[in-house]
N, C-alpha and C. Protein backbone atom coordinates (compact mmCIF):
# COMPACT_ATOMS: atom_id res chain seq x y z
N UNK A 1 8.75 -76.57 -13.76
CA UNK A 1 8.73 -76.55 -12.09
C UNK A 1 9.79 -75.15 -11.88
N UNK A 2 9.19 -74.13 -12.63
CA UNK A 2 9.91 -72.75 -12.48
C UNK A 2 8.92 -72.18 -10.95
N UNK A 3 9.88 -71.34 -10.27
CA UNK A 3 9.17 -70.66 -9.23
C UNK A 3 9.32 -68.98 -9.77
N UNK A 4 8.15 -68.44 -9.51
CA UNK A 4 7.99 -67.10 -9.85
C UNK A 4 8.88 -66.52 -8.92
N UNK A 5 9.23 -65.22 -9.32
CA UNK A 5 9.95 -64.39 -8.57
C UNK A 5 9.39 -63.83 -7.59
N UNK A 6 9.94 -63.74 -6.15
CA UNK A 6 9.55 -62.94 -5.14
C UNK A 6 9.22 -63.44 -4.00
N UNK A 7 8.89 -63.15 -2.79
CA UNK A 7 9.22 -63.70 -1.54
C UNK A 7 8.20 -65.26 -1.51
N UNK A 8 8.70 -66.05 -1.68
CA UNK A 8 8.02 -67.51 -1.32
C UNK A 8 8.33 -68.14 -0.11
N UNK A 9 7.19 -68.26 0.85
CA UNK A 9 7.90 -68.95 2.26
C UNK A 9 7.93 -70.27 2.06
N UNK A 10 9.26 -70.68 2.60
CA UNK A 10 9.66 -72.26 2.69
C UNK A 10 9.95 -73.00 1.52
N UNK A 11 9.46 -72.39 0.37
CA UNK A 11 10.15 -72.97 -0.62
C UNK A 11 11.52 -72.52 -1.27
N UNK A 12 11.79 -71.19 -0.80
CA UNK A 12 13.16 -70.87 -1.12
C UNK A 12 14.21 -71.89 -0.79
N UNK A 13 14.15 -71.97 0.70
CA UNK A 13 15.14 -72.99 1.15
C UNK A 13 14.97 -74.22 0.24
N UNK A 14 13.98 -75.05 -0.31
CA UNK A 14 13.82 -75.96 -0.79
C UNK A 14 14.55 -75.82 -2.23
N UNK A 15 14.27 -74.68 -2.81
CA UNK A 15 14.92 -74.42 -4.15
C UNK A 15 16.56 -74.23 -4.24
N UNK A 16 16.99 -73.61 -2.89
CA UNK A 16 18.17 -73.31 -2.83
C UNK A 16 19.27 -74.79 -2.69
N UNK A 17 18.60 -75.32 -1.71
CA UNK A 17 18.93 -77.05 -1.57
C UNK A 17 19.09 -77.82 -2.97
N UNK A 18 18.00 -77.59 -3.50
CA UNK A 18 18.10 -78.55 -4.87
C UNK A 18 18.94 -78.09 -5.87
N UNK A 19 19.15 -76.66 -5.86
CA UNK A 19 20.05 -75.70 -6.70
C UNK A 19 21.53 -76.38 -6.24
N UNK A 20 21.92 -76.14 -5.25
CA UNK A 20 23.44 -76.87 -4.37
C UNK A 20 23.48 -78.32 -4.85
N UNK A 21 22.61 -79.02 -4.77
CA UNK A 21 22.62 -80.22 -4.84
C UNK A 21 22.96 -80.61 -6.46
N UNK A 22 22.26 -79.81 -7.31
CA UNK A 22 22.56 -79.85 -8.67
C UNK A 22 23.71 -79.84 -9.26
N UNK A 23 24.04 -78.61 -8.35
CA UNK A 23 25.61 -78.07 -8.84
C UNK A 23 26.54 -78.78 -8.31
N UNK A 24 26.43 -79.69 -7.11
CA UNK A 24 27.50 -80.56 -6.87
C UNK A 24 27.47 -81.89 -7.49
N UNK A 25 26.27 -82.29 -7.98
CA UNK A 25 26.13 -83.41 -9.02
C UNK A 25 26.69 -83.22 -10.34
N UNK A 26 26.51 -82.17 -10.84
CA UNK A 26 27.22 -81.92 -11.74
C UNK A 26 28.96 -81.62 -12.21
N UNK A 27 29.30 -80.90 -10.78
CA UNK A 27 30.70 -80.90 -10.53
C UNK A 27 31.34 -82.40 -10.29
N UNK A 28 30.78 -83.43 -9.80
CA UNK A 28 31.13 -84.67 -9.52
C UNK A 28 30.97 -85.14 -10.84
N UNK A 29 29.99 -85.19 -11.62
CA UNK A 29 29.99 -85.74 -12.79
C UNK A 29 30.95 -85.39 -13.95
N UNK A 30 31.06 -83.94 -13.74
CA UNK A 30 32.28 -83.59 -14.44
C UNK A 30 33.51 -84.08 -14.45
N UNK A 31 33.85 -84.22 -13.17
CA UNK A 31 35.28 -84.49 -12.69
C UNK A 31 35.32 -86.01 -13.03
N UNK A 32 34.31 -86.89 -12.69
CA UNK A 32 34.30 -88.38 -13.21
C UNK A 32 34.59 -88.59 -14.59
N UNK A 33 33.78 -87.41 -15.23
CA UNK A 33 33.91 -87.72 -17.12
C UNK A 33 35.48 -87.33 -17.39
N UNK A 34 36.26 -86.55 -16.37
CA UNK A 34 37.32 -86.14 -16.98
C UNK A 34 38.65 -87.27 -16.80
N UNK A 35 38.09 -87.81 -15.72
CA UNK A 35 39.00 -89.04 -14.98
C UNK A 35 39.06 -90.20 -16.16
N UNK A 36 37.49 -90.24 -16.66
CA UNK A 36 37.30 -91.41 -17.65
C UNK A 36 37.83 -91.09 -18.74
N UNK A 37 37.80 -89.84 -19.23
CA UNK A 37 38.58 -89.56 -20.69
C UNK A 37 40.06 -89.54 -20.45
N UNK A 38 40.70 -89.37 -19.49
CA UNK A 38 42.27 -89.57 -19.21
C UNK A 38 42.40 -90.68 -19.15
């Protein structure tokens, strides 16, 4: 599900939101993993 580079209308916001949510999920998962390991 990769979007081609260029001006895509409407989907850029969706992609940005998906990217930010995935990044936040990764951060939360990493912190929880560290806490569990400690």
